[in-house]
Structure formats: C-alpha cells, structure tokens
Amino acid sequence: MSAPAVDEGAVTHGRTQAPAGGASAGSGEDAPFADLVAHLRRRSGASAAECWAMIEEVRAYFSETAETFVRRRHGELRREGRSNAQIFPVVAAELARRCVTPPVYTERQLRRIVYG
C-alpha cells in the first residue's frame, strides 16, 4: 500500500482550516490556541487568519505518524533516484530526530508498558 502524494507546501492532514474572520477557532480542540494566535499577531504583525493557518501547518506537520513519514520519505527519495540501500539509513536517521504522532494504545497496552 503506498502513501498518497504530499504537497509539502500545503500539508493539511485533514486538519481544520483557519476560522472564518480569524477571531477564534470555535471548537474545543482549537480553543487553547487562541492565546498563541494573539501572541503570533503581536510578534509578527500577521492577521489572525494567517496565524491560524501557521498553527494548522505546524499541527499537521507534527501529526504525521512514523509509518506515514517513512512511506512519504521513501517515496520522495525514490523519486530522486536513490536505491533502498541509500534510502533506509537516511530515513532511519531522520526518524530518530523527528517528532511523530505516537500510536494509539489501549488501556491494556498501557498497563503492559507500566507493569510488564
């Protein structure tokens, strides 16, 4: 199964768009970012809508799972003409320092992590 092509300039991963008018997100999930939007507006001079868009880009960037990242990077490096022998060490090194979304664990799995 191959991963869909990703336009690095427009990564959205199904996230919400900036709220209309840029006033507030209007959802409980985005509410904690209202202070961040205000901070970014003060620091950058960007509009509220632009700040929401920046936040969504960062959230989308860090919402990628390890599997999705590996598939995406493998495809990108293959398109550059690299062989698997060249690709996998690069992907492993990049993955080691990249923040990715952790897997979803069941309560039982969490207990096994803690208690063995």
C-alpha atoms as a PDB file:
ATOM      1  CA  MET A   1       0.000   0.000   0.000  1.00  0.00           C
ATOM      2  CA  SER A   2       1.503   3.312  -0.999  1.00  0.00           C
ATOM      3  CA  ALA A   3       1.009   6.627   0.712  1.00  0.00           C
ATOM      4  CA  PRO A   4      -0.693   9.437  -1.182  1.00  0.00           C
ATOM      5  CA  ALA A   5       1.495  12.146  -2.619  1.00  0.00           C
ATOM      6  CA  VAL A   6       2.042  15.036  -0.249  1.00  0.00           C
ATOM      7  CA  ASP A   7       2.473  18.633  -1.322  1.00  0.00           C
ATOM      8  CA  GLU A   8       4.954  19.852   1.276  1.00  0.00           C
ATOM      9  CA  GLY A   9       3.786  23.423   0.763  1.00  0.00           C
ATOM     10  CA  ALA A  10       0.214  22.561   1.694  1.00  0.00           C
ATOM     11  CA  VAL A  11       0.238  19.843   4.330  1.00  0.00           C
ATOM     12  CA  THR A  12      -3.161  19.669   5.975  1.00  0.00           C
ATOM     13  CA  HIS A  13      -3.640  16.011   7.038  1.00  0.00           C
ATOM     14  CA  GLY A  14      -7.364  16.610   7.333  1.00  0.00           C
ATOM     15  CA  ARG A  15      -6.982  19.362   9.900  1.00  0.00           C
ATOM     16  CA  THR A  16      -9.410  22.233  10.201  1.00  0.00           C
ATOM     17  CA  GLN A  17      -8.801  25.434   8.314  1.00  0.00           C
ATOM     18  CA  ALA A  18      -8.325  28.813   9.922  1.00  0.00           C
ATOM     19  CA  PRO A  19     -11.613  30.049  11.349  1.00  0.00           C
ATOM     20  CA  ALA A  20     -13.589  32.489   9.255  1.00  0.00           C
ATOM     21  CA  GLY A  21     -12.739  36.041  10.171  1.00  0.00           C
ATOM     22  CA  GLY A  22      -9.841  34.743  12.237  1.00  0.00           C
ATOM     23  CA  ALA A  23     -11.464  35.688  15.524  1.00  0.00           C
ATOM     24  CA  SER A  24     -11.451  32.323  17.245  1.00  0.00           C
ATOM     25  CA  ALA A  25     -11.474  28.681  16.357  1.00  0.00           C
ATOM     26  CA  GLY A  26     -14.937  27.996  17.678  1.00  0.00           C
ATOM     27  CA  SER A  27     -14.090  24.427  18.665  1.00  0.00           C
ATOM     28  CA  GLY A  28     -12.864  22.980  21.911  1.00  0.00           C
ATOM     29  CA  GLU A  29      -9.908  21.375  20.131  1.00  0.00           C
ATOM     30  CA  ASP A  30      -8.570  24.715  18.882  1.00  0.00           C
ATOM     31  CA  ALA A  31      -9.526  26.864  21.875  1.00  0.00           C
ATOM     32  CA  PRO A  32      -6.125  26.503  23.603  1.00  0.00           C
ATOM     33  CA  PHE A  33      -4.509  28.136  20.586  1.00  0.00           C
ATOM     34  CA  ALA A  34      -6.354  31.463  20.899  1.00  0.00           C
ATOM     35  CA  ASP A  35      -3.581  32.814  23.151  1.00  0.00           C
ATOM     36  CA  LEU A  36      -0.978  31.587  20.671  1.00  0.00           C
ATOM     37  CA  VAL A  37      -2.784  33.377  17.829  1.00  0.00           C
ATOM     38  CA  ALA A  38      -2.779  36.596  19.838  1.00  0.00           C
ATOM     39  CA  HIS A  39       0.933  36.142  20.598  1.00  0.00           C
ATOM     40  CA  LEU A  40       1.792  35.487  16.951  1.00  0.00           C
ATOM     41  CA  ARG A  41      -0.211  38.512  15.854  1.00  0.00           C
ATOM     42  CA  ARG A  42       1.678  40.757  18.289  1.00  0.00           C
ATOM     43  CA  ARG A  43       5.073  39.315  17.322  1.00  0.00           C
ATOM     44  CA  SER A  44       4.644  39.004  13.560  1.00  0.00           C
ATOM     45  CA  GLY A  45       2.035  41.541  12.538  1.00  0.00           C
ATOM     46  CA  ALA A  46       0.232  38.759  10.639  1.00  0.00           C
ATOM     47  CA  SER A  47      -3.543  38.635  10.527  1.00  0.00           C
ATOM     48  CA  ALA A  48      -5.459  36.249  12.767  1.00  0.00           C
ATOM     49  CA  ALA A  49      -6.312  34.079   9.739  1.00  0.00           C
ATOM     50  CA  GLU A  50      -2.636  33.890   8.770  1.00  0.00           C
ATOM     51  CA  CYS A  51      -1.709  32.926  12.339  1.00  0.00           C
ATOM     52  CA  TRP A  52      -4.355  30.181  12.419  1.00  0.00           C
ATOM     53  CA  ALA A  53      -3.009  28.897   9.092  1.00  0.00           C
ATOM     54  CA  MET A  54       0.539  28.800  10.511  1.00  0.00           C
ATOM     55  CA  ILE A  55      -0.646  26.919  13.592  1.00  0.00           C
ATOM     56  CA  GLU A  56      -2.530  24.394  11.454  1.00  0.00           C
ATOM     57  CA  GLU A  57       0.566  23.834   9.309  1.00  0.00           C
ATOM     58  CA  VAL A  58       2.667  23.118  12.406  1.00  0.00           C
ATOM     59  CA  ARG A  59      -0.015  20.854  13.886  1.00  0.00           C
ATOM     60  CA  ALA A  60      -0.306  18.953  10.605  1.00  0.00           C
ATOM     61  CA  TYR A  61       3.476  18.646  10.339  1.00  0.00           C
ATOM     62  CA  PHE A  62       3.689  17.027  13.761  1.00  0.00           C
ATOM     63  CA  SER A  63       0.552  14.886  13.344  1.00  0.00           C
ATOM     64  CA  GLU A  64       2.228  12.565  10.855  1.00  0.00           C
ATOM     65  CA  THR A  65       2.675   9.014  12.161  1.00  0.00           C
ATOM     66  CA  ALA A  66       6.012   7.226  11.927  1.00  0.00           C
ATOM     67  CA  GLU A  67       4.623   4.879   9.267  1.00  0.00           C
ATOM     68  CA  THR A  68       3.298   7.765   7.181  1.00  0.00           C
ATOM     69  CA  PHE A  69       6.603   9.601   7.492  1.00  0.00           C
ATOM     70  CA  VAL A  70       8.595   6.523   6.421  1.00  0.00           C
ATOM     71  CA  ARG A  71       6.358   5.918   3.397  1.00  0.00           C
ATOM     72  CA  ARG A  72       6.430   9.573   2.377  1.00  0.00           C
ATOM     73  CA  ARG A  73      10.189   9.962   2.712  1.00  0.00           C
ATOM     74  CA  HIS A  74      10.837   6.661   0.943  1.00  0.00           C
ATOM     75  CA  GLY A  75       8.738   7.855  -1.993  1.00  0.00           C
ATOM     76  CA  GLU A  76      10.471  11.232  -2.088  1.00  0.00           C
ATOM     77  CA  LEU A  77      13.925   9.670  -2.047  1.00  0.00           C
ATOM     78  CA  ARG A  78      12.942   7.065  -4.682  1.00  0.00           C
ATOM     79  CA  ARG A  79      11.780   9.884  -6.952  1.00  0.00           C
ATOM     80  CA  GLU A  80      15.262  11.381  -6.535  1.00  0.00           C
ATOM     81  CA  GLY A  81      16.626   8.131  -7.977  1.00  0.00           C
ATOM     82  CA  ARG A  82      18.102   6.692  -4.768  1.00  0.00           C
ATOM     83  CA  SER A  83      18.236   2.960  -4.073  1.00  0.00           C
ATOM     84  CA  ASN A  84      16.764   1.316  -0.972  1.00  0.00           C
ATOM     85  CA  ALA A  85      20.307   0.718   0.302  1.00  0.00           C
ATOM     86  CA  GLN A  86      20.785   4.500   0.262  1.00  0.00           C
ATOM     87  CA  ILE A  87      17.283   5.386   1.418  1.00  0.00           C
ATOM     88  CA  PHE A  88      16.783   3.361   4.587  1.00  0.00           C
ATOM     89  CA  PRO A  89      19.797   4.731   6.519  1.00  0.00           C
ATOM     90  CA  VAL A  90      18.663   8.272   5.654  1.00  0.00           C
ATOM     91  CA  VAL A  91      15.070   7.605   6.721  1.00  0.00           C
ATOM     92  CA  ALA A  92      16.212   5.920   9.952  1.00  0.00           C
ATOM     93  CA  ALA A  93      18.418   8.894  10.850  1.00  0.00           C
ATOM     94  CA  GLU A  94      15.661  11.399  10.057  1.00  0.00           C
ATOM     95  CA  LEU A  95      13.055   9.424  12.000  1.00  0.00           C
ATOM     96  CA  ALA A  96      15.310   9.291  15.062  1.00  0.00           C
ATOM     97  CA  ARG A  97      15.168  13.074  15.416  1.00  0.00           C
ATOM     98  CA  ARG A  98      11.641  13.743  14.176  1.00  0.00           C
ATOM     99  CA  CYS A  99       8.570  14.282  16.321  1.00  0.00           C
ATOM    100  CA  VAL A 100       5.792  11.969  15.178  1.00  0.00           C
ATOM    101  CA  THR A 101       2.335  11.143  16.439  1.00  0.00           C
ATOM    102  CA  PRO A 102       2.593   8.181  18.801  1.00  0.00           C
ATOM    103  CA  PRO A 103       0.487   5.075  18.269  1.00  0.00           C
ATOM    104  CA  VAL A 104      -2.878   4.843  19.998  1.00  0.00           C
ATOM    105  CA  TYR A 105      -2.641   2.415  22.909  1.00  0.00           C
ATOM    106  CA  THR A 106      -5.452   0.519  24.561  1.00  0.00           C
ATOM    107  CA  GLU A 107      -5.682   0.610  28.344  1.00  0.00           C
ATOM    108  CA  ARG A 108      -4.382  -2.965  28.391  1.00  0.00           C
ATOM    109  CA  GLN A 109      -1.339  -2.000  26.331  1.00  0.00           C
ATOM    110  CA  LEU A 110      -0.626   0.905  28.669  1.00  0.00           C
ATOM    111  CA  ARG A 111      -0.792  -1.415  31.671  1.00  0.00           C
ATOM    112  CA  ARG A 112       1.644  -3.803  29.980  1.00  0.00           C
ATOM    113  CA  ILE A 113       4.055  -0.937  29.368  1.00  0.00           C
ATOM    114  CA  VAL A 114       3.926   0.039  33.035  1.00  0.00           C
ATOM    115  CA  TYR A 115       3.752  -3.371  34.701  1.00  0.00           C
ATOM    116  CA  GLY A 116       5.272  -5.646  32.048  1.00  0.00           C
END
